[in-house]
C-alpha atoms as a PDB file:
ATOM      1  CA  MET A   1      21.868  -0.853  31.857  1.00  0.00           C
ATOM      2  CA  ARG A   2      18.847   1.472  32.213  1.00  0.00           C
ATOM      3  CA  ASN A   3      20.461   4.071  29.946  1.00  0.00           C
ATOM      4  CA  ALA A   4      21.114   1.423  27.295  1.00  0.00           C
ATOM      5  CA  ARG A   5      17.529   0.181  27.503  1.00  0.00           C
ATOM      6  CA  ALA A   6      16.144   3.730  27.217  1.00  0.00           C
ATOM      7  CA  LEU A   7      18.318   4.388  24.191  1.00  0.00           C
ATOM      8  CA  VAL A   8      16.987   1.261  22.471  1.00  0.00           C
ATOM      9  CA  GLU A   9      13.362   2.195  23.259  1.00  0.00           C
ATOM     10  CA  ARG A  10      13.845   5.712  21.863  1.00  0.00           C
ATOM     11  CA  SER A  11      15.527   4.482  18.706  1.00  0.00           C
ATOM     12  CA  PHE A  12      13.072   1.655  17.941  1.00  0.00           C
ATOM     13  CA  PRO A  13      10.236   3.847  16.544  1.00  0.00           C
ATOM     14  CA  MET A  14      12.717   5.587  14.237  1.00  0.00           C
ATOM     15  CA  LYS A  15      13.925   2.185  13.004  1.00  0.00           C
ATOM     16  CA  LYS A  16      10.354   1.239  12.140  1.00  0.00           C
ATOM     17  CA  ILE A  17       9.885   4.485  10.206  1.00  0.00           C
ATOM     18  CA  LEU A  18      13.113   4.048   8.256  1.00  0.00           C
ATOM     19  CA  LEU A  19      12.657   0.322   7.547  1.00  0.00           C
ATOM     20  CA  PRO A  20      10.742   0.684   4.226  1.00  0.00           C
ATOM     21  CA  ALA A  21      13.291   3.221   2.973  1.00  0.00           C
ATOM     22  CA  ALA A  22      16.177   0.937   3.935  1.00  0.00           C
ATOM     23  CA  VAL A  23      14.577  -2.021   2.178  1.00  0.00           C
ATOM     24  CA  ALA A  24      14.055   0.066  -0.943  1.00  0.00           C
ATOM     25  CA  ALA A  25      17.671   1.245  -0.907  1.00  0.00           C
ATOM     26  CA  ALA A  26      18.949  -2.308  -0.548  1.00  0.00           C
ATOM     27  CA  LEU A  27      16.717  -3.647  -3.303  1.00  0.00           C
ATOM     28  CA  LEU A  28      17.613  -0.884  -5.737  1.00  0.00           C
ATOM     29  CA  SER A  29      21.322  -0.668  -4.894  1.00  0.00           C
ATOM     30  CA  PRO A  30      23.914  -0.964  -7.699  1.00  0.00           C
ATOM     31  CA  SER A  31      25.316  -4.138  -6.119  1.00  0.00           C
ATOM     32  CA  ALA A  32      21.918  -5.833  -6.306  1.00  0.00           C
ATOM     33  CA  PHE A  33      21.563  -4.975  -9.977  1.00  0.00           C
ATOM     34  CA  ALA A  34      25.138  -5.971 -10.726  1.00  0.00           C
ATOM     35  CA  GLN A  35      24.471  -9.507  -9.501  1.00  0.00           C
ATOM     36  CA  GLY A  36      21.924  -9.953 -12.267  1.00  0.00           C
ATOM     37  CA  ALA A  37      23.856  -8.177 -15.013  1.00  0.00           C
ATOM     38  CA  GLY A  38      23.732 -10.024 -18.313  1.00  0.00           C
ATOM     39  CA  GLY A  39      21.475 -12.776 -19.533  1.00  0.00           C
ATOM     40  CA  ASP A  40      17.864 -12.928 -20.577  1.00  0.00           C
ATOM     41  CA  THR A  41      16.243 -13.064 -17.140  1.00  0.00           C
ATOM     42  CA  TYR A  42      12.882 -11.372 -17.812  1.00  0.00           C
ATOM     43  CA  ARG A  43      10.405 -13.735 -19.500  1.00  0.00           C
ATOM     44  CA  PRO A  44      12.853 -15.523 -21.850  1.00  0.00           C
ATOM     45  CA  ASP A  45       9.827 -16.819 -23.750  1.00  0.00           C
ATOM     46  CA  LEU A  46       9.132 -13.247 -24.976  1.00  0.00           C
ATOM     47  CA  GLN A  47      11.025 -11.079 -27.427  1.00  0.00           C
ATOM     48  CA  VAL A  48      11.800  -7.457 -26.547  1.00  0.00           C
ATOM     49  CA  GLY A  49       8.728  -5.452 -27.511  1.00  0.00           C
ATOM     50  CA  GLN A  50       6.272  -8.255 -26.821  1.00  0.00           C
ATOM     51  CA  GLY A  51       4.002  -8.208 -23.789  1.00  0.00           C
ATOM     52  CA  ASN A  52       1.367  -9.995 -21.765  1.00  0.00           C
ATOM     53  CA  TRP A  53      -1.713  -9.347 -19.661  1.00  0.00           C
ATOM     54  CA  PHE A  54      -1.547  -9.991 -15.926  1.00  0.00           C
ATOM     55  CA  VAL A  55      -3.736 -10.009 -12.825  1.00  0.00           C
ATOM     56  CA  SER A  56      -2.389  -9.396  -9.342  1.00  0.00           C
ATOM     57  CA  GLY A  57      -3.632  -9.210  -5.791  1.00  0.00           C
ATOM     58  CA  SER A  58      -2.203  -8.223  -2.416  1.00  0.00           C
ATOM     59  CA  VAL A  59      -3.525  -8.933   1.098  1.00  0.00           C
ATOM     60  CA  GLY A  60      -1.939  -7.711   4.315  1.00  0.00           C
ATOM     61  CA  ARG A  61      -1.965  -5.296   7.211  1.00  0.00           C
ATOM     62  CA  THR A  62      -2.678  -1.614   6.991  1.00  0.00           C
ATOM     63  CA  ASP A  63      -0.906   0.840   9.243  1.00  0.00           C
ATOM     64  CA  GLY A  64      -4.081   2.146  10.839  1.00  0.00           C
ATOM     65  CA  GLY A  65      -4.031   5.400   8.887  1.00  0.00           C
ATOM     66  CA  THR A  66      -0.802   6.738  10.412  1.00  0.00           C
ATOM     67  CA  ALA A  67       1.258   7.004   7.206  1.00  0.00           C
ATOM     68  CA  GLY A  68       1.978  10.691   6.721  1.00  0.00           C
ATOM     69  CA  ARG A  69       4.233  10.075   3.721  1.00  0.00           C
ATOM     70  CA  PHE A  70       5.677   7.231   1.680  1.00  0.00           C
ATOM     71  CA  GLY A  71       7.727   4.923   3.901  1.00  0.00           C
ATOM     72  CA  SER A  72       6.429   6.289   7.224  1.00  0.00           C
ATOM     73  CA  GLY A  73       3.891   3.587   8.123  1.00  0.00           C
ATOM     74  CA  ASP A  74       4.115   1.895  11.524  1.00  0.00           C
ATOM     75  CA  PHE A  75       4.287  -1.884  10.988  1.00  0.00           C
ATOM     76  CA  ASN A  76       5.167  -3.521  14.286  1.00  0.00           C
ATOM     77  CA  VAL A  77       3.691  -6.980  13.623  1.00  0.00           C
ATOM     78  CA  PHE A  78       4.197  -7.951  17.266  1.00  0.00           C
ATOM     79  CA  GLN A  79       1.991  -5.170  18.646  1.00  0.00           C
ATOM     80  CA  GLY A  80      -1.715  -4.454  18.093  1.00  0.00           C
ATOM     81  CA  ARG A  81      -3.015  -0.982  17.389  1.00  0.00           C
ATOM     82  CA  ASP A  82      -6.492   0.510  17.110  1.00  0.00           C
ATOM     83  CA  GLY A  83      -7.485   1.124  13.507  1.00  0.00           C
ATOM     84  CA  ARG A  84      -5.122  -1.470  12.059  1.00  0.00           C
ATOM     85  CA  ARG A  85      -7.093  -3.824   9.850  1.00  0.00           C
ATOM     86  CA  THR A  86      -6.770  -6.219   6.944  1.00  0.00           C
ATOM     87  CA  GLY A  87      -6.451  -4.499   3.569  1.00  0.00           C
ATOM     88  CA  TYR A  88      -6.328  -5.718   0.003  1.00  0.00           C
ATOM     89  CA  ASP A  89      -5.496  -4.470  -3.474  1.00  0.00           C
ATOM     90  CA  ALA A  90      -6.457  -6.045  -6.813  1.00  0.00           C
ATOM     91  CA  SER A  91      -5.147  -4.998 -10.231  1.00  0.00           C
ATOM     92  CA  VAL A  92      -5.183  -5.982 -13.884  1.00  0.00           C
ATOM     93  CA  GLY A  93      -2.690  -4.717 -16.425  1.00  0.00           C
ATOM     94  CA  TYR A  94      -0.411  -5.225 -19.379  1.00  0.00           C
ATOM     95  CA  ARG A  95       3.395  -5.307 -19.278  1.00  0.00           C
ATOM     96  CA  TRP A  96       5.890  -5.138 -22.167  1.00  0.00           C
ATOM     97  CA  LYS A  97       9.341  -6.643 -22.204  1.00  0.00           C
ATOM     98  CA  VAL A  98      11.577  -3.601 -22.796  1.00  0.00           C
ATOM     99  CA  GLY A  99      14.939  -5.278 -22.181  1.00  0.00           C
ATOM    100  CA  GLN A 100      16.467  -8.634 -21.345  1.00  0.00           C
ATOM    101  CA  GLN A 101      15.902  -7.946 -17.638  1.00  0.00           C
ATOM    102  CA  TRP A 102      13.162  -5.303 -17.680  1.00  0.00           C
ATOM    103  CA  GLY A 103       9.401  -5.225 -17.978  1.00  0.00           C
ATOM    104  CA  LEU A 104       7.355  -2.010 -18.081  1.00  0.00           C
ATOM    105  CA  GLY A 105       3.560  -1.781 -18.063  1.00  0.00           C
ATOM    106  CA  VAL A 106       0.266  -0.155 -17.142  1.00  0.00           C
ATOM    107  CA  GLU A 107      -2.306  -1.223 -14.574  1.00  0.00           C
ATOM    108  CA  GLY A 108      -5.634  -0.359 -12.998  1.00  0.00           C
ATOM    109  CA  GLY A 109      -7.448  -1.645  -9.945  1.00  0.00           C
ATOM    110  CA  TYR A 110      -9.129  -1.119  -6.596  1.00  0.00           C
ATOM    111  CA  ALA A 111      -7.843  -1.026  -3.015  1.00  0.00           C
ATOM    112  CA  ASP A 112      -9.651  -1.268   0.324  1.00  0.00           C
ATOM    113  CA  LEU A 113      -7.338  -0.318   3.164  1.00  0.00           C
ATOM    114  CA  GLY A 114      -8.757  -1.282   6.512  1.00  0.00           C
ATOM    115  CA  ASN A 115     -12.512  -1.881   6.441  1.00  0.00           C
ATOM    116  CA  PHE A 116     -12.096  -5.602   7.034  1.00  0.00           C
ATOM    117  CA  LYS A 117     -11.478  -7.233  10.418  1.00  0.00           C
ATOM    118  CA  VAL A 118     -10.904 -10.892   9.598  1.00  0.00           C
ATOM    119  CA  SER A 119     -10.920 -11.995  13.250  1.00  0.00           C
ATOM    120  CA  ASN A 120     -14.630 -11.148  13.385  1.00  0.00           C
ATOM    121  CA  ALA A 121     -15.263 -14.257  11.302  1.00  0.00           C
ATOM    122  CA  LEU A 122     -14.948 -16.137  14.615  1.00  0.00           C
ATOM    123  CA  ASN A 123     -17.719 -14.133  16.332  1.00  0.00           C
ATOM    124  CA  SER A 124     -21.017 -12.429  15.504  1.00  0.00           C
ATOM    125  CA  ASP A 125     -19.507  -9.054  14.530  1.00  0.00           C
ATOM    126  CA  ASP A 126     -19.345  -7.938  10.910  1.00  0.00           C
ATOM    127  CA  VAL A 127     -16.153  -8.708   9.007  1.00  0.00           C
ATOM    128  CA  ASN A 128     -16.762  -5.723   6.708  1.00  0.00           C
ATOM    129  CA  GLN A 129     -16.828  -2.663   8.982  1.00  0.00           C
ATOM    130  CA  ARG A 130     -17.131  -0.025   6.273  1.00  0.00           C
ATOM    131  CA  ASP A 131     -20.129   1.662   7.918  1.00  0.00           C
ATOM    132  CA  SER A 132     -18.263   2.222  11.184  1.00  0.00           C
ATOM    133  CA  GLU A 133     -14.621   2.448  10.083  1.00  0.00           C
ATOM    134  CA  ASN A 134     -14.916   4.182   6.685  1.00  0.00           C
ATOM    135  CA  ALA A 135     -11.253   3.375   6.058  1.00  0.00           C
ATOM    136  CA  LEU A 136      -9.564   4.624   2.923  1.00  0.00           C
ATOM    137  CA  ARG A 137     -10.489   2.873  -0.313  1.00  0.00           C
ATOM    138  CA  GLY A 138     -10.676   3.740  -3.992  1.00  0.00           C
ATOM    139  CA  TRP A 139      -9.745   3.121  -7.630  1.00  0.00           C
ATOM    140  CA  HIS A 140      -6.282   3.565  -9.085  1.00  0.00           C
ATOM    141  CA  VAL A 141      -4.565   3.580 -12.478  1.00  0.00           C
ATOM    142  CA  GLY A 142      -0.850   3.864 -13.168  1.00  0.00           C
ATOM    143  CA  GLY A 143       2.339   2.205 -14.298  1.00  0.00           C
ATOM    144  CA  ASN A 144       4.514  -0.636 -13.067  1.00  0.00           C
ATOM    145  CA  ALA A 145       8.015  -1.947 -13.654  1.00  0.00           C
ATOM    146  CA  ARG A 146       9.868  -5.173 -12.931  1.00  0.00           C
ATOM    147  CA  PHE A 147      13.557  -5.962 -12.956  1.00  0.00           C
ATOM    148  CA  ASN A 148      14.509  -9.628 -12.832  1.00  0.00           C
ATOM    149  CA  VAL A 149      17.799  -9.784 -10.962  1.00  0.00           C
ATOM    150  CA  THR A 150      17.804 -13.502 -11.776  1.00  0.00           C
ATOM    151  CA  PRO A 151      15.139 -15.551 -13.569  1.00  0.00           C
ATOM    152  CA  GLN A 152      13.719 -16.410 -10.114  1.00  0.00           C
ATOM    153  CA  TRP A 153      14.158 -13.105  -8.231  1.00  0.00           C
ATOM    154  CA  TYR A 154      12.409  -9.857  -9.181  1.00  0.00           C
ATOM    155  CA  VAL A 155      12.307  -6.310  -7.847  1.00  0.00           C
ATOM    156  CA  GLY A 156       9.201  -4.289  -8.636  1.00  0.00           C
ATOM    157  CA  ALA A 157       7.841  -0.750  -8.412  1.00  0.00           C
ATOM    158  CA  ARG A 158       4.501   0.869  -9.207  1.00  0.00           C
ATOM    159  CA  GLY A 159       2.703   4.174  -8.929  1.00  0.00           C
ATOM    160  CA  GLY A 160       0.102   6.465 -10.416  1.00  0.00           C
ATOM    161  CA  TYR A 161      -3.249   8.181  -9.890  1.00  0.00           C
ATOM    162  CA  PHE A 162      -5.495   7.294  -6.946  1.00  0.00           C
ATOM    163  CA  ARG A 163      -9.140   8.361  -6.596  1.00  0.00           C
ATOM    164  CA  ALA A 164      -9.969   8.062  -2.896  1.00  0.00           C
ATOM    165  CA  SER A 165     -13.348   7.434  -1.312  1.00  0.00           C
ATOM    166  CA  ASP A 166     -15.034  10.376   0.383  1.00  0.00           C
ATOM    167  CA  ASN A 167     -14.721  11.027   4.099  1.00  0.00           C
ATOM    168  CA  ASN A 168     -18.412  11.130   4.953  1.00  0.00           C
ATOM    169  CA  ILE A 169     -18.402  10.081   8.615  1.00  0.00           C
ATOM    170  CA  ASN A 170     -19.976  11.253  11.865  1.00  0.00           C
ATOM    171  CA  TYR A 171     -17.957  12.829  14.673  1.00  0.00           C
ATOM    172  CA  TYR A 172     -18.654  12.240  18.365  1.00  0.00           C
ATOM    173  CA  ASN A 173     -17.328  13.684  21.600  1.00  0.00           C
ATOM    174  CA  THR A 174     -15.964  11.587  24.461  1.00  0.00           C
ATOM    175  CA  ALA A 175     -19.498  11.198  25.881  1.00  0.00           C
ATOM    176  CA  GLY A 176     -20.719   9.654  22.635  1.00  0.00           C
ATOM    177  CA  GLN A 177     -22.743  12.692  21.553  1.00  0.00           C
ATOM    178  CA  ASN A 178     -22.864  13.532  17.843  1.00  0.00           C
ATOM    179  CA  LEU A 179     -21.079  16.840  17.279  1.00  0.00           C
ATOM    180  CA  GLY A 180     -23.118  17.618  14.174  1.00  0.00           C
ATOM    181  CA  LEU A 181     -20.056  18.174  11.989  1.00  0.00           C
ATOM    182  CA  GLU A 182     -20.195  17.613   8.232  1.00  0.00           C
ATOM    183  CA  SER A 183     -17.530  16.002   6.075  1.00  0.00           C
ATOM    184  CA  GLY A 184     -17.169  14.489   2.648  1.00  0.00           C
ATOM    185  CA  GLY A 185     -17.229  15.883  -0.846  1.00  0.00           C
ATOM    186  CA  ASP A 186     -14.507  15.875  -3.452  1.00  0.00           C
ATOM    187  CA  SER A 187     -11.785  17.762  -1.583  1.00  0.00           C
ATOM    188  CA  GLY A 188      -8.500  15.833  -1.550  1.00  0.00           C
ATOM    189  CA  ARG A 189      -9.849  12.766  -3.327  1.00  0.00           C
ATOM    190  CA  ASN A 190      -7.569  13.053  -6.376  1.00  0.00           C
ATOM    191  CA  SER A 191      -4.074  11.962  -5.362  1.00  0.00           C
ATOM    192  CA  TYR A 192      -1.473   9.227  -5.953  1.00  0.00           C
ATOM    193  CA  TYR A 193      -0.231   5.805  -4.916  1.00  0.00           C
ATOM    194  CA  ALA A 194       3.271   4.305  -4.973  1.00  0.00           C
ATOM    195  CA  GLY A 195       4.841   1.014  -4.018  1.00  0.00           C
ATOM    196  CA  ILE A 196       7.943  -1.183  -4.009  1.00  0.00           C
ATOM    197  CA  GLY A 197       8.442  -4.886  -3.524  1.00  0.00           C
ATOM    198  CA  THR A 198      10.404  -8.007  -4.249  1.00  0.00           C
ATOM    199  CA  GLY A 199       9.585 -11.657  -4.715  1.00  0.00           C
ATOM    200  CA  TRP A 200      10.037 -15.024  -6.360  1.00  0.00           C
ATOM    201  CA  ASN A 201       9.108 -16.081  -9.876  1.00  0.00           C
ATOM    202  CA  ALA A 202       7.813 -19.585  -9.242  1.00  0.00           C
ATOM    203  CA  THR A 203       7.259 -20.036 -12.993  1.00  0.00           C
ATOM    204  CA  GLU A 204       7.370 -17.756 -16.008  1.00  0.00           C
ATOM    205  CA  ASN A 205       3.677 -17.025 -15.400  1.00  0.00           C
ATOM    206  CA  PHE A 206       3.274 -17.018 -11.619  1.00  0.00           C
ATOM    207  CA  SER A 207       5.084 -15.032  -8.914  1.00  0.00           C
ATOM    208  CA  VAL A 208       4.681 -14.278  -5.210  1.00  0.00           C
ATOM    209  CA  GLY A 209       6.291 -11.537  -3.151  1.00  0.00           C
ATOM    210  CA  LEU A 210       6.204  -8.991  -0.336  1.00  0.00           C
ATOM    211  CA  HIS A 211       5.170  -5.459  -1.302  1.00  0.00           C
ATOM    212  CA  TYR A 212       4.770  -2.098   0.434  1.00  0.00           C
ATOM    213  CA  ASP A 213       2.142   0.191  -1.129  1.00  0.00           C
ATOM    214  CA  TYR A 214       1.253   3.723  -0.041  1.00  0.00           C
ATOM    215  CA  PHE A 215      -2.052   5.406  -0.929  1.00  0.00           C
ATOM    216  CA  ARG A 216      -2.199   9.166  -0.450  1.00  0.00           C
ATOM    217  CA  ALA A 217      -5.397  11.044   0.395  1.00  0.00           C
ATOM    218  CA  LYS A 218      -5.913  14.342   2.161  1.00  0.00           C
ATOM    219  CA  SER A 219      -7.993  14.467   5.301  1.00  0.00           C
ATOM    220  CA  GLY A 220     -10.723  16.570   3.682  1.00  0.00           C
ATOM    221  CA  ASP A 221     -12.518  19.526   5.240  1.00  0.00           C
ATOM    222  CA  VAL A 222     -14.788  19.192   8.253  1.00  0.00           C
ATOM    223  CA  ARG A 223     -17.482  21.858   8.594  1.00  0.00           C
ATOM    224  CA  ASP A 224     -19.534  23.058  11.545  1.00  0.00           C
ATOM    225  CA  PRO A 225     -22.982  23.883  10.063  1.00  0.00           C
ATOM    226  CA  ALA A 226     -23.856  26.115  13.026  1.00  0.00           C
ATOM    227  CA  THR A 227     -20.888  28.471  12.645  1.00  0.00           C
ATOM    228  CA  GLY A 228     -19.625  27.739   9.131  1.00  0.00           C
ATOM    229  CA  ALA A 229     -16.143  27.085  10.510  1.00  0.00           C
ATOM    230  CA  ARG A 230     -13.939  24.666   8.523  1.00  0.00           C
ATOM    231  CA  PHE A 231     -10.912  22.675   9.658  1.00  0.00           C
ATOM    232  CA  ASP A 232      -8.942  19.605   8.617  1.00  0.00           C
ATOM    233  CA  GLY A 233     -10.431  16.179   9.300  1.00  0.00           C
ATOM    234  CA  PRO A 234      -8.574  13.046  10.413  1.00  0.00           C
ATOM    235  CA  LYS A 235      -5.525  11.859   8.521  1.00  0.00           C
ATOM    236  CA  ARG A 236      -6.487   9.418   5.770  1.00  0.00           C
ATOM    237  CA  SER A 237      -3.309   8.379   3.907  1.00  0.00           C
ATOM    238  CA  THR A 238      -2.768   4.670   4.465  1.00  0.00           C
ATOM    239  CA  ALA A 239      -0.099   2.095   3.637  1.00  0.00           C
ATOM    240  CA  LEU A 240      -0.411  -1.633   3.070  1.00  0.00           C
ATOM    241  CA  LEU A 241       2.286  -4.218   3.742  1.00  0.00           C
ATOM    242  CA  GLY A 242       1.106  -7.403   2.116  1.00  0.00           C
ATOM    243  CA  LEU A 243       1.763 -10.673   0.391  1.00  0.00           C
ATOM    244  CA  THR A 244       1.332 -10.312  -3.373  1.00  0.00           C
ATOM    245  CA  ALA A 245       0.601 -12.844  -6.061  1.00  0.00           C
ATOM    246  CA  GLU A 246       0.604 -12.242  -9.828  1.00  0.00           C
ATOM    247  CA  TYR A 247      -0.411 -14.397 -12.745  1.00  0.00           C
ATOM    248  CA  ALA A 248       0.826 -13.361 -16.193  1.00  0.00           C
ATOM    249  CA  PHE A 249      -0.898 -14.730 -19.282  1.00  0.00           C
END
């Protein structure tokens, strides 16, 4: 019994790491696409070549800055973790109907990935903890695609260029003393974002879904002014698992 329990405990973290990849594989599998083969499922009110503007927003949990690569975030919703906060992403874009089931477009927006602690609304602490947390945030521009498996069910993907915030924070030792290290600047701020998701088309204009988005940013250099030594700062890449809503005009 103990051996079985130990095996489960060792395998559980790996399951959490592989979960986003497994979801993506299931959503994009040939069998999933085959179920929606045929028919005008993507915006039947539009002709191929026509398009529409849209606005979208996503709110959810960040992974606390532990995502080393796409799909590696730790999202155990039943367990708290230091650094895990509420994040959001807002975008505006334009998408063309390129096939009876496909839409392809461009987008731009802004993401803030962990500076907000919503539970502080119930006490005297600040909800926006940007000054103390300095979690990853920044502007992004890229492309997006949607495949309507049925008129009501879509699978989506997005990705592009991400301009991260700087990493200008103070570093302290365990006694709370400022170490006098410098950070910030432009190093590692130009990178990328990518995401996958699925959801429900409530109407031809409004949809809701669950999306996983990954925003890549290097840690940036940390410098000791006294010695001139440089080394890597804390990991900054962050993922967001959130509820998404989109309104298409």
